[in-house]
C-alpha cells in the first residue's frame, strides 16, 4: 500500500492561518519581524523568512499594519522596524477571531458527530 504524504495539506492549512497568527502575535504590542518569526516557530508553525516579509508588506499595504523604526540601544546595529496593528487591523483580527470560532465549532461538531 502506498504511503500518503500529507505535508502539502498541512502546509496549506498553515498558510491559511498564518495571517491570523501574525495579527494575534502583534495585537497587544509592536513586534520586530524576527520576533514574529520566532513566535511562529515556537508555536510549531514552521515558517521561512521569505514567507513572512511579503505577508507583512501585504498587510501594511492593506492598512492593517503600520510600522515604526526604533533605534537599537547599542549604536552597533541599524534601526529596527516594529510592526503594530492599525484600527483596521484590529477590526480585521476581530473578524478573523469570529471566523475561527465558527470554523472550530463546525469541525468539533463534525468530529463528535461522525
PDB file of N, CA and C in Angstrom:
ATOM      1  N   UNK A   1       0.834  -1.168   0.000  1.00  0.00           N
ATOM      2  CA  UNK A   1       0.000   0.000   0.000  1.00  0.00           C
ATOM      3  C   UNK A   1       0.889   1.244   0.000  1.00  0.00           C
ATOM      4  N   UNK A   2       0.495   2.229  -0.798  1.00  0.00           N
ATOM      5  CA  UNK A   2       1.272   3.455  -0.942  1.00  0.00           C
ATOM      6  C   UNK A   2       1.036   4.374   0.257  1.00  0.00           C
ATOM      7  N   UNK A   3       2.127   4.947   0.764  1.00  0.00           N
ATOM      8  CA  UNK A   3       2.029   5.864   1.903  1.00  0.00           C
ATOM      9  C   UNK A   3       1.527   7.219   1.412  1.00  0.00           C
ATOM     10  N   UNK A   4       0.594   7.801   2.135  1.00  0.00           N
ATOM     11  CA  UNK A   4       0.045   9.116   1.786  1.00  0.00           C
ATOM     12  C   UNK A   4       0.919  10.188   2.410  1.00  0.00           C
ATOM     13  N   UNK A   5       1.301  11.158   1.602  1.00  0.00           N
ATOM     14  CA  UNK A   5       2.097  12.276   2.086  1.00  0.00           C
ATOM     15  C   UNK A   5       1.150  13.444   2.368  1.00  0.00           C
ATOM     16  N   UNK A   6       0.974  13.770   3.638  1.00  0.00           N
ATOM     17  CA  UNK A   6       0.062  14.844   3.992  1.00  0.00           C
ATOM     18  C   UNK A   6       0.765  16.179   4.251  1.00  0.00           C
ATOM     19  N   UNK A   7       2.048  16.267   3.909  1.00  0.00           N
ATOM     20  CA  UNK A   7       2.795  17.508   4.124  1.00  0.00           C
ATOM     21  C   UNK A   7       2.171  18.680   3.376  1.00  0.00           C
ATOM     22  N   UNK A   8       1.713  18.450   2.147  1.00  0.00           N
ATOM     23  CA  UNK A   8       1.119  19.531   1.371  1.00  0.00           C
ATOM     24  C   UNK A   8      -0.167  20.026   2.028  1.00  0.00           C
ATOM     25  N   UNK A   9      -0.988  19.117   2.499  1.00  0.00           N
ATOM     26  CA  UNK A   9      -2.237  19.509   3.163  1.00  0.00           C
ATOM     27  C   UNK A   9      -1.947  20.315   4.420  1.00  0.00           C
ATOM     28  N   UNK A  10      -0.967  19.863   5.215  1.00  0.00           N
ATOM     29  CA  UNK A  10      -0.606  20.594   6.435  1.00  0.00           C
ATOM     30  C   UNK A  10      -0.044  21.966   6.087  1.00  0.00           C
ATOM     31  N   UNK A  11       0.757  22.032   5.036  1.00  0.00           N
ATOM     32  CA  UNK A  11       1.333  23.306   4.602  1.00  0.00           C
ATOM     33  C   UNK A  11       0.239  24.287   4.184  1.00  0.00           C
ATOM     34  N   UNK A  12      -0.752  23.808   3.455  1.00  0.00           N
ATOM     35  CA  UNK A  12      -1.855  24.668   3.023  1.00  0.00           C
ATOM     36  C   UNK A  12      -2.673  25.163   4.222  1.00  0.00           C
ATOM     37  N   UNK A  13      -2.875  24.304   5.194  1.00  0.00           N
ATOM     38  CA  UNK A  13      -3.602  24.713   6.400  1.00  0.00           C
ATOM     39  C   UNK A  13      -2.834  25.799   7.148  1.00  0.00           C
ATOM     40  N   UNK A  14      -1.523  25.616   7.264  1.00  0.00           N
ATOM     41  CA  UNK A  14      -0.689  26.619   7.951  1.00  0.00           C
ATOM     42  C   UNK A  14      -0.729  27.949   7.223  1.00  0.00           C
ATOM     43  N   UNK A  15      -0.603  27.924   5.899  1.00  0.00           N
ATOM     44  CA  UNK A  15      -0.629  29.163   5.119  1.00  0.00           C
ATOM     45  C   UNK A  15      -1.931  29.920   5.339  1.00  0.00           C
ATOM     46  N   UNK A  16      -3.020  29.177   5.404  1.00  0.00           N
ATOM     47  CA  UNK A  16      -4.311  29.814   5.604  1.00  0.00           C
ATOM     48  C   UNK A  16      -4.432  30.482   6.963  1.00  0.00           C
ATOM     49  N   UNK A  17      -3.711  29.993   7.956  1.00  0.00           N
ATOM     50  CA  UNK A  17      -3.795  30.533   9.305  1.00  0.00           C
ATOM     51  C   UNK A  17      -2.693  31.534   9.630  1.00  0.00           C
ATOM     52  N   UNK A  18      -1.703  31.644   8.772  1.00  0.00           N
ATOM     53  CA  UNK A  18      -0.535  32.463   9.065  1.00  0.00           C
ATOM     54  C   UNK A  18      -0.882  33.933   9.295  1.00  0.00           C
ATOM     55  N   UNK A  19      -1.717  34.489   8.460  1.00  0.00           N
ATOM     56  CA  UNK A  19      -2.121  35.883   8.598  1.00  0.00           C
ATOM     57  C   UNK A  19      -2.770  36.112   9.964  1.00  0.00           C
ATOM     58  N   UNK A  20      -3.688  35.240  10.315  1.00  0.00           N
ATOM     59  CA  UNK A  20      -4.376  35.320  11.600  1.00  0.00           C
ATOM     60  C   UNK A  20      -3.372  35.242  12.747  1.00  0.00           C
ATOM     61  N   UNK A  21      -2.438  34.315  12.668  1.00  0.00           N
ATOM     62  CA  UNK A  21      -1.448  34.132  13.723  1.00  0.00           C
ATOM     63  C   UNK A  21      -0.539  35.346  13.873  1.00  0.00           C
ATOM     64  N   UNK A  22      -0.138  35.940  12.773  1.00  0.00           N
ATOM     65  CA  UNK A  22       0.700  37.140  12.837  1.00  0.00           C
ATOM     66  C   UNK A  22      -0.056  38.261  13.546  1.00  0.00           C
ATOM     67  N   UNK A  23      -1.312  38.451  13.194  1.00  0.00           N
ATOM     68  CA  UNK A  23      -2.103  39.503  13.836  1.00  0.00           C
ATOM     69  C   UNK A  23      -2.269  39.221  15.328  1.00  0.00           C
ATOM     70  N   UNK A  24      -2.434  37.962  15.698  1.00  0.00           N
ATOM     71  CA  UNK A  24      -2.535  37.612  17.120  1.00  0.00           C
ATOM     72  C   UNK A  24      -1.252  37.970  17.872  1.00  0.00           C
ATOM     73  N   UNK A  25      -0.117  37.723  17.249  1.00  0.00           N
ATOM     74  CA  UNK A  25       1.175  37.981  17.894  1.00  0.00           C
ATOM     75  C   UNK A  25       1.358  39.463  18.191  1.00  0.00           C
ATOM     76  N   UNK A  26       0.903  40.321  17.274  1.00  0.00           N
ATOM     77  CA  UNK A  26       1.164  41.754  17.460  1.00  0.00           C
ATOM     78  C   UNK A  26      -0.071  42.536  17.917  1.00  0.00           C
ATOM     79  N   UNK A  27      -1.107  41.844  18.349  1.00  0.00           N
ATOM     80  CA  UNK A  27      -2.345  42.555  18.698  1.00  0.00           C
ATOM     81  C   UNK A  27      -2.170  43.480  19.900  1.00  0.00           C
ATOM     82  N   UNK A  28      -1.318  43.132  20.851  1.00  0.00           N
ATOM     83  CA  UNK A  28      -1.190  43.936  22.068  1.00  0.00           C
ATOM     84  C   UNK A  28       0.037  44.830  22.124  1.00  0.00           C
ATOM     85  N   UNK A  29       1.049  44.485  21.339  1.00  0.00           N
ATOM     86  CA  UNK A  29       2.248  45.329  21.365  1.00  0.00           C
ATOM     87  C   UNK A  29       3.018  45.177  20.055  1.00  0.00           C
ATOM     88  N   UNK A  30       3.730  46.217  19.660  1.00  0.00           N
ATOM     89  CA  UNK A  30       4.523  46.142  18.422  1.00  0.00           C
ATOM     90  C   UNK A  30       5.559  45.033  18.506  1.00  0.00           C
ATOM     91  N   UNK A  31       5.895  44.481  17.343  1.00  0.00           N
ATOM     92  CA  UNK A  31       6.872  43.393  17.306  1.00  0.00           C
ATOM     93  C   UNK A  31       7.806  43.554  16.116  1.00  0.00           C
ATOM     94  N   UNK A  32       9.015  43.134  16.318  1.00  0.00           N
ATOM     95  CA  UNK A  32      10.076  43.104  15.323  1.00  0.00           C
ATOM     96  C   UNK A  32       9.907  41.811  14.523  1.00  0.00           C
ATOM     97  N   UNK A  33      10.091  41.869  13.213  1.00  0.00           N
ATOM     98  CA  UNK A  33       9.837  40.702  12.348  1.00  0.00           C
ATOM     99  C   UNK A  33      10.532  39.427  12.833  1.00  0.00           C
ATOM    100  N   UNK A  34      11.819  39.465  13.198  1.00  0.00           N
ATOM    101  CA  UNK A  34      12.432  38.220  13.696  1.00  0.00           C
ATOM    102  C   UNK A  34      11.747  37.677  14.953  1.00  0.00           C
ATOM    103  N   UNK A  35      11.174  38.562  15.782  1.00  0.00           N
ATOM    104  CA  UNK A  35      10.439  38.097  16.960  1.00  0.00           C
ATOM    105  C   UNK A  35       9.133  37.412  16.546  1.00  0.00           C
ATOM    106  N   UNK A  36       8.491  37.916  15.495  1.00  0.00           N
ATOM    107  CA  UNK A  36       7.275  37.299  14.964  1.00  0.00           C
ATOM    108  C   UNK A  36       7.605  35.907  14.437  1.00  0.00           C
ATOM    109  N   UNK A  37       8.689  35.814  13.693  1.00  0.00           N
ATOM    110  CA  UNK A  37       9.123  34.527  13.142  1.00  0.00           C
ATOM    111  C   UNK A  37       9.425  33.543  14.270  1.00  0.00           C
ATOM    112  N   UNK A  38      10.121  34.002  15.302  1.00  0.00           N
ATOM    113  CA  UNK A  38      10.455  33.129  16.434  1.00  0.00           C
ATOM    114  C   UNK A  38       9.181  32.636  17.126  1.00  0.00           C
ATOM    115  N   UNK A  39       8.217  33.525  17.335  1.00  0.00           N
ATOM    116  CA  UNK A  39       6.958  33.131  17.985  1.00  0.00           C
ATOM    117  C   UNK A  39       6.227  32.080  17.155  1.00  0.00           C
ATOM    118  N   UNK A  40       6.220  32.252  15.841  1.00  0.00           N
ATOM    119  CA  UNK A  40       5.565  31.276  14.968  1.00  0.00           C
ATOM    120  C   UNK A  40       6.276  29.923  15.022  1.00  0.00           C
ATOM    121  N   UNK A  41       7.603  29.964  15.035  1.00  0.00           N
ATOM    122  CA  UNK A  41       8.368  28.713  15.118  1.00  0.00           C
ATOM    123  C   UNK A  41       8.148  28.034  16.462  1.00  0.00           C
ATOM    124  N   UNK A  42       8.097  28.816  17.547  1.00  0.00           N
ATOM    125  CA  UNK A  42       7.853  28.241  18.873  1.00  0.00           C
ATOM    126  C   UNK A  42       6.474  27.583  18.938  1.00  0.00           C
ATOM    127  N   UNK A  43       5.524  28.124  18.165  1.00  0.00           N
ATOM    128  CA  UNK A  43       4.175  27.556  18.121  1.00  0.00           C
ATOM    129  C   UNK A  43       4.085  26.390  17.131  1.00  0.00           C
ATOM    130  N   UNK A  44       5.234  25.988  16.599  1.00  0.00           N
ATOM    131  CA  UNK A  44       5.311  24.868  15.644  1.00  0.00           C
ATOM    132  C   UNK A  44       4.657  25.182  14.309  1.00  0.00           C
ATOM    133  N   UNK A  45       4.535  26.464  13.993  1.00  0.00           N
ATOM    134  CA  UNK A  45       4.085  26.875  12.661  1.00  0.00           C
ATOM    135  C   UNK A  45       5.352  27.177  11.872  1.00  0.00           C
ATOM    136  N   UNK A  46       5.916  26.160  11.303  1.00  0.00           N
ATOM    137  CA  UNK A  46       7.204  26.271  10.627  1.00  0.00           C
ATOM    138  C   UNK A  46       7.083  27.273   9.489  1.00  0.00           C
ATOM    139  N   UNK A  47       7.901  28.300   9.562  1.00  0.00           N
ATOM    140  CA  UNK A  47       7.849  29.346   8.544  1.00  0.00           C
ATOM    141  C   UNK A  47       9.248  29.672   8.055  1.00  0.00           C
ATOM    142  N   UNK A  48       9.296  30.215   6.868  1.00  0.00           N
ATOM    143  CA  UNK A  48      10.535  30.662   6.263  1.00  0.00           C
ATOM    144  C   UNK A  48      10.459  32.182   6.199  1.00  0.00           C
ATOM    145  N   UNK A  49      11.565  32.839   6.471  1.00  0.00           N
ATOM    146  CA  UNK A  49      11.565  34.302   6.454  1.00  0.00           C
ATOM    147  C   UNK A  49      10.993  34.856   5.156  1.00  0.00           C
ATOM    148  N   UNK A  50      11.283  34.192   4.052  1.00  0.00           N
ATOM    149  CA  UNK A  50      10.804  34.654   2.754  1.00  0.00           C
ATOM    150  C   UNK A  50       9.290  34.637   2.634  1.00  0.00           C
ATOM    151  N   UNK A  51       8.622  33.933   3.540  1.00  0.00           N
ATOM    152  CA  UNK A  51       7.158  33.896   3.551  1.00  0.00           C
ATOM    153  C   UNK A  51       6.599  35.053   4.369  1.00  0.00           C
ATOM    154  N   UNK A  52       7.249  35.385   5.457  1.00  0.00           N
ATOM    155  CA  UNK A  52       6.728  36.371   6.396  1.00  0.00           C
ATOM    156  C   UNK A  52       6.847  37.799   5.885  1.00  0.00           C
ATOM    157  N   UNK A  53       7.998  38.166   5.349  1.00  0.00           N
ATOM    158  CA  UNK A  53       8.198  39.560   4.943  1.00  0.00           C
ATOM    159  C   UNK A  53       7.207  40.015   3.865  1.00  0.00           C
ATOM    160  N   UNK A  54       6.951  39.227   2.827  1.00  0.00           N
ATOM    161  CA  UNK A  54       5.927  39.657   1.855  1.00  0.00           C
ATOM    162  C   UNK A  54       4.533  39.752   2.488  1.00  0.00           C
ATOM    163  N   UNK A  55       4.237  38.872   3.425  1.00  0.00           N
ATOM    164  CA  UNK A  55       2.937  38.915   4.093  1.00  0.00           C
ATOM    165  C   UNK A  55       2.818  40.167   4.956  1.00  0.00           C
ATOM    166  N   UNK A  56       3.881  40.524   5.672  1.00  0.00           N
ATOM    167  CA  UNK A  56       3.873  41.764   6.456  1.00  0.00           C
ATOM    168  C   UNK A  56       3.676  42.974   5.550  1.00  0.00           C
ATOM    169  N   UNK A  57       4.336  42.978   4.404  1.00  0.00           N
ATOM    170  CA  UNK A  57       4.197  44.098   3.468  1.00  0.00           C
ATOM    171  C   UNK A  57       2.776  44.161   2.909  1.00  0.00           C
ATOM    172  N   UNK A  58       2.201  43.005   2.611  1.00  0.00           N
ATOM    173  CA  UNK A  58       0.833  42.979   2.090  1.00  0.00           C
ATOM    174  C   UNK A  58      -0.143  43.518   3.131  1.00  0.00           C
ATOM    175  N   UNK A  59       0.009  43.091   4.380  1.00  0.00           N
ATOM    176  CA  UNK A  59      -0.854  43.584   5.452  1.00  0.00           C
ATOM    177  C   UNK A  59      -0.675  45.085   5.668  1.00  0.00           C
ATOM    178  N   UNK A  60       0.541  45.554   5.515  1.00  0.00           N
ATOM    179  CA  UNK A  60       0.802  47.004   5.617  1.00  0.00           C
ATOM    180  C   UNK A  60       0.117  47.737   4.474  1.00  0.00           C
ATOM    181  N   UNK A  61       0.223  47.216   3.261  1.00  0.00           N
ATOM    182  CA  UNK A  61      -0.407  47.849   2.100  1.00  0.00           C
ATOM    183  C   UNK A  61      -1.928  47.866   2.211  1.00  0.00           C
ATOM    184  N   UNK A  62      -2.483  46.888   2.931  1.00  0.00           N
ATOM    185  CA  UNK A  62      -3.927  46.838   3.171  1.00  0.00           C
ATOM    186  C   UNK A  62      -4.330  47.707   4.365  1.00  0.00           C
ATOM    187  N   UNK A  63      -3.344  48.413   4.926  1.00  0.00           N
ATOM    188  CA  UNK A  63      -3.544  49.327   6.051  1.00  0.00           C
ATOM    189  C   UNK A  63      -3.958  48.619   7.345  1.00  0.00           C
ATOM    190  N   UNK A  64      -3.623  47.328   7.448  1.00  0.00           N
ATOM    191  CA  UNK A  64      -3.891  46.585   8.677  1.00  0.00           C
ATOM    192  C   UNK A  64      -2.739  46.714   9.661  1.00  0.00           C
ATOM    193  N   UNK A  65      -1.552  46.977   9.121  1.00  0.00           N
ATOM    194  CA  UNK A  65      -0.358  47.165   9.938  1.00  0.00           C
ATOM    195  C   UNK A  65       0.272  48.497   9.615  1.00  0.00           C
ATOM    196  N   UNK A  66       0.937  49.035  10.604  1.00  0.00           N
ATOM    197  CA  UNK A  66       1.842  50.151  10.368  1.00  0.00           C
ATOM    198  C   UNK A  66       3.157  49.738  11.009  1.00  0.00           C
ATOM    199  N   UNK A  67       4.180  50.536  10.840  1.00  0.00           N
ATOM    200  CA  UNK A  67       5.446  50.214  11.496  1.00  0.00           C
ATOM    201  C   UNK A  67       6.147  51.490  11.897  1.00  0.00           C
ATOM    202  N   UNK A  68       7.066  51.329  12.807  1.00  0.00           N
ATOM    203  CA  UNK A  68       7.908  52.447  13.206  1.00  0.00           C
ATOM    204  C   UNK A  68       9.335  51.941  13.329  1.00  0.00           C
ATOM    205  N   UNK A  69      10.260  52.817  13.017  1.00  0.00           N
ATOM    206  CA  UNK A  69      11.669  52.481  13.153  1.00  0.00           C
ATOM    207  C   UNK A  69      12.093  52.789  14.581  1.00  0.00           C
ATOM    208  N   UNK A  70      12.780  51.844  15.209  1.00  0.00           N
ATOM    209  CA  UNK A  70      13.241  52.013  16.581  1.00  0.00           C
ATOM    210  C   UNK A  70      14.750  51.833  16.600  1.00  0.00           C
ATOM    211  N   UNK A  71      15.419  52.820  17.183  1.00  0.00           N
ATOM    212  CA  UNK A  71      16.874  52.732  17.301  1.00  0.00           C
ATOM    213  C   UNK A  71      17.242  51.637  18.293  1.00  0.00           C
ATOM    214  N   UNK A  72      18.251  50.872  17.948  1.00  0.00           N
ATOM    215  CA  UNK A  72      18.750  49.822  18.832  1.00  0.00           C
ATOM    216  C   UNK A  72      19.537  50.499  19.945  1.00  0.00           C
ATOM    217  N   UNK A  73      19.435  49.963  21.163  1.00  0.00           N
ATOM    218  CA  UNK A  73      20.097  50.592  22.306  1.00  0.00           C
ATOM    219  C   UNK A  73      21.595  50.750  22.095  1.00  0.00           C
ATOM    220  N   UNK A  74      22.235  49.747  21.523  1.00  0.00           N
ATOM    221  CA  UNK A  74      23.657  49.901  21.210  1.00  0.00           C
ATOM    222  C   UNK A  74      23.753  50.514  19.821  1.00  0.00           C
ATOM    223  N   UNK A  75      24.675  51.356  19.629  1.00  0.00           N
ATOM    224  CA  UNK A  75      24.819  52.047  18.343  1.00  0.00           C
ATOM    225  C   UNK A  75      25.386  51.143  17.254  1.00  0.00           C
ATOM    226  N   UNK A  76      25.607  49.877  17.566  1.00  0.00           N
ATOM    227  CA  UNK A  76      26.235  48.982  16.595  1.00  0.00           C
ATOM    228  C   UNK A  76      25.270  48.505  15.518  1.00  0.00           C
ATOM    229  N   UNK A  77      24.001  48.387  15.818  1.00  0.00           N
ATOM    230  CA  UNK A  77      23.060  47.832  14.857  1.00  0.00           C
ATOM    231  C   UNK A  77      22.207  48.909  14.209  1.00  0.00           C
ATOM    232  N   UNK A  78      21.613  48.574  13.068  1.00  0.00           N
ATOM    233  CA  UNK A  78      20.727  49.524  12.396  1.00  0.00           C
ATOM    234  C   UNK A  78      19.386  49.617  13.142  1.00  0.00           C
ATOM    235  N   UNK A  79      18.602  50.654  12.870  1.00  0.00           N
ATOM    236  CA  UNK A  79      17.270  50.729  13.486  1.00  0.00           C
ATOM    237  C   UNK A  79      16.438  49.504  13.098  1.00  0.00           C
ATOM    238  N   UNK A  80      15.483  49.161  13.941  1.00  0.00           N
ATOM    239  CA  UNK A  80      14.623  48.003  13.700  1.00  0.00           C
ATOM    240  C   UNK A  80      13.215  48.477  13.371  1.00  0.00           C
ATOM    241  N   UNK A  81      12.580  47.750  12.468  1.00  0.00           N
ATOM    242  CA  UNK A  81      11.209  48.055  12.078  1.00  0.00           C
ATOM    243  C   UNK A  81      10.261  47.234  12.942  1.00  0.00           C
ATOM    244  N   UNK A  82       9.447  47.922  13.747  1.00  0.00           N
ATOM    245  CA  UNK A  82       8.470  47.265  14.610  1.00  0.00           C
ATOM    246  C   UNK A  82       7.080  47.453  14.020  1.00  0.00           C
ATOM    247  N   UNK A  83       6.376  46.337  13.858  1.00  0.00           N
ATOM    248  CA  UNK A  83       5.027  46.347  13.280  1.00  0.00           C
ATOM    249  C   UNK A  83       3.989  46.406  14.392  1.00  0.00           C
ATOM    250  N   UNK A  84       2.902  47.131  14.119  1.00  0.00           N
ATOM    251  CA  UNK A  84       1.779  47.170  15.053  1.00  0.00           C
ATOM    252  C   UNK A  84       0.481  47.189  14.262  1.00  0.00           C
ATOM    253  N   UNK A  85      -0.589  46.768  14.931  1.00  0.00           N
ATOM    254  CA  UNK A  85      -1.905  46.763  14.289  1.00  0.00           C
ATOM    255  C   UNK A  85      -2.452  48.177  14.217  1.00  0.00           C
ATOM    256  N   UNK A  86      -3.102  48.472  13.114  1.00  0.00           N
ATOM    257  CA  UNK A  86      -3.841  49.723  12.984  1.00  0.00           C
ATOM    258  C   UNK A  86      -5.276  49.449  13.445  1.00  0.00           C
ATOM    259  N   UNK A  87      -6.116  50.457  13.431  1.00  0.00           N
ATOM    260  CA  UNK A  87      -7.528  50.257  13.777  1.00  0.00           C
ATOM    261  C   UNK A  87      -8.167  49.267  12.801  1.00  0.00           C
ATOM    262  N   UNK A  88      -7.835  49.395  11.518  1.00  0.00           N
ATOM    263  CA  UNK A  88      -8.348  48.448  10.512  1.00  0.00           C
ATOM    264  C   UNK A  88      -7.864  47.038  10.832  1.00  0.00           C
ATOM    265  N   UNK A  89      -6.611  46.910  11.249  1.00  0.00           N
ATOM    266  CA  UNK A  89      -6.060  45.608  11.616  1.00  0.00           C
ATOM    267  C   UNK A  89      -6.776  44.997  12.807  1.00  0.00           C
ATOM    268  N   UNK A  90      -7.101  45.822  13.800  1.00  0.00           N
ATOM    269  CA  UNK A  90      -7.839  45.318  14.963  1.00  0.00           C
ATOM    270  C   UNK A  90      -9.232  44.837  14.554  1.00  0.00           C
ATOM    271  N   UNK A  91      -9.879  45.579  13.668  1.00  0.00           N
ATOM    272  CA  UNK A  91     -11.206  45.179  13.193  1.00  0.00           C
ATOM    273  C   UNK A  91     -11.124  43.870  12.413  1.00  0.00           C
ATOM    274  N   UNK A  92     -10.118  43.765  11.544  1.00  0.00           N
ATOM    275  CA  UNK A  92      -9.947  42.550  10.756  1.00  0.00           C
ATOM    276  C   UNK A  92      -9.653  41.354  11.656  1.00  0.00           C
ATOM    277  N   UNK A  93      -8.809  41.564  12.674  1.00  0.00           N
ATOM    278  CA  UNK A  93      -8.492  40.489  13.618  1.00  0.00           C
ATOM    279  C   UNK A  93      -9.762  40.022  14.327  1.00  0.00           C
ATOM    280  N   UNK A  94     -10.612  40.949  14.718  1.00  0.00           N
ATOM    281  CA  UNK A  94     -11.874  40.565  15.373  1.00  0.00           C
ATOM    282  C   UNK A  94     -12.722  39.712  14.430  1.00  0.00           C
ATOM    283  N   UNK A  95     -12.747  40.066  13.145  1.00  0.00           N
ATOM    284  CA  UNK A  95     -13.487  39.277  12.161  1.00  0.00           C
ATOM    285  C   UNK A  95     -12.873  37.883  12.001  1.00  0.00           C
ATOM    286  N   UNK A  96     -11.546  37.817  11.978  1.00  0.00           N
ATOM    287  CA  UNK A  96     -10.880  36.523  11.871  1.00  0.00           C
ATOM    288  C   UNK A  96     -11.133  35.670  13.108  1.00  0.00           C
ATOM    289  N   UNK A  97     -11.155  36.295  14.276  1.00  0.00           N
ATOM    290  CA  UNK A  97     -11.419  35.536  15.501  1.00  0.00           C
ATOM    291  C   UNK A  97     -12.827  34.940  15.470  1.00  0.00           C
ATOM    292  N   UNK A  98     -13.795  35.710  14.975  1.00  0.00           N
ATOM    293  CA  UNK A  98     -15.159  35.195  14.837  1.00  0.00           C
ATOM    294  C   UNK A  98     -15.188  34.041  13.840  1.00  0.00           C
ATOM    295  N   UNK A  99     -14.512  34.225  12.707  1.00  0.00           N
ATOM    296  CA  UNK A  99     -14.471  33.166  11.692  1.00  0.00           C
ATOM    297  C   UNK A  99     -13.803  31.915  12.256  1.00  0.00           C
ATOM    298  N   UNK A 100     -12.714  32.082  13.021  1.00  0.00           N
ATOM    299  CA  UNK A 100     -12.026  30.945  13.612  1.00  0.00           C
ATOM    300  C   UNK A 100     -12.954  30.196  14.556  1.00  0.00           C
ATOM    301  N   UNK A 101     -13.678  30.909  15.399  1.00  0.00           N
ATOM    302  CA  UNK A 101     -14.598  30.265  16.337  1.00  0.00           C
ATOM    303  C   UNK A 101     -15.669  29.478  15.585  1.00  0.00           C
ATOM    304  N   UNK A 102     -16.190  30.053  14.502  1.00  0.00           N
ATOM    305  CA  UNK A 102     -17.214  29.356  13.715  1.00  0.00           C
ATOM    306  C   UNK A 102     -16.653  28.088  13.073  1.00  0.00           C
ATOM    307  N   UNK A 103     -15.470  28.188  12.496  1.00  0.00           N
ATOM    308  CA  UNK A 103     -14.835  27.031  11.853  1.00  0.00           C
ATOM    309  C   UNK A 103     -14.507  25.970  12.901  1.00  0.00           C
ATOM    310  N   UNK A 104     -13.947  26.394  14.014  1.00  0.00           N
ATOM    311  CA  UNK A 104     -13.583  25.467  15.076  1.00  0.00           C
ATOM    312  C   UNK A 104     -14.818  24.738  15.605  1.00  0.00           C
ATOM    313  N   UNK A 105     -15.904  25.464  15.797  1.00  0.00           N
ATOM    314  CA  UNK A 105     -17.143  24.848  16.269  1.00  0.00           C
ATOM    315  C   UNK A 105     -17.676  23.845  15.251  1.00  0.00           C
ATOM    316  N   UNK A 106     -17.631  24.214  13.973  1.00  0.00           N
ATOM    317  CA  UNK A 106     -18.115  23.315  12.924  1.00  0.00           C
ATOM    318  C   UNK A 106     -17.284  22.029  12.879  1.00  0.00           C
ATOM    319  N   UNK A 107     -15.981  22.164  12.972  1.00  0.00           N
ATOM    320  CA  UNK A 107     -15.101  20.993  12.934  1.00  0.00           C
ATOM    321  C   UNK A 107     -15.347  20.115  14.159  1.00  0.00           C
ATOM    322  N   UNK A 108     -15.459  20.738  15.326  1.00  0.00           N
ATOM    323  CA  UNK A 108     -15.724  19.956  16.540  1.00  0.00           C
ATOM    324  C   UNK A 108     -17.059  19.238  16.458  1.00  0.00           C
ATOM    325  N   UNK A 109     -18.049  19.875  15.845  1.00  0.00           N
ATOM    326  CA  UNK A 109     -19.354  19.224  15.652  1.00  0.00           C
ATOM    327  C   UNK A 109     -19.194  18.006  14.754  1.00  0.00           C
ATOM    328  N   UNK A 110     -18.476  18.175  13.655  1.00  0.00           N
ATOM    329  CA  UNK A 110     -18.256  17.044  12.745  1.00  0.00           C
ATOM    330  C   UNK A 110     -17.483  15.917  13.425  1.00  0.00           C
ATOM    331  N   UNK A 111     -16.464  16.271  14.186  1.00  0.00           N
ATOM    332  CA  UNK A 111     -15.662  15.255  14.864  1.00  0.00           C
ATOM    333  C   UNK A 111     -16.490  14.478  15.872  1.00  0.00           C
ATOM    334  N   UNK A 112     -17.363  15.152  16.585  1.00  0.00           N
ATOM    335  CA  UNK A 112     -18.127  14.466  17.618  1.00  0.00           C
ATOM    336  C   UNK A 112     -19.358  13.750  17.048  1.00  0.00           C
ATOM    337  N   UNK A 113     -19.792  14.149  15.856  1.00  0.00           N
ATOM    338  CA  UNK A 113     -20.990  13.559  15.262  1.00  0.00           C
ATOM    339  C   UNK A 113     -20.659  12.362  14.384  1.00  0.00           C
ATOM    340  N   UNK A 114     -19.537  12.422  13.692  1.00  0.00           N
ATOM    341  CA  UNK A 114     -19.246  11.367  12.704  1.00  0.00           C
ATOM    342  C   UNK A 114     -18.064  10.537  13.085  1.00  0.00           C
TER     343      UNK A 114
END
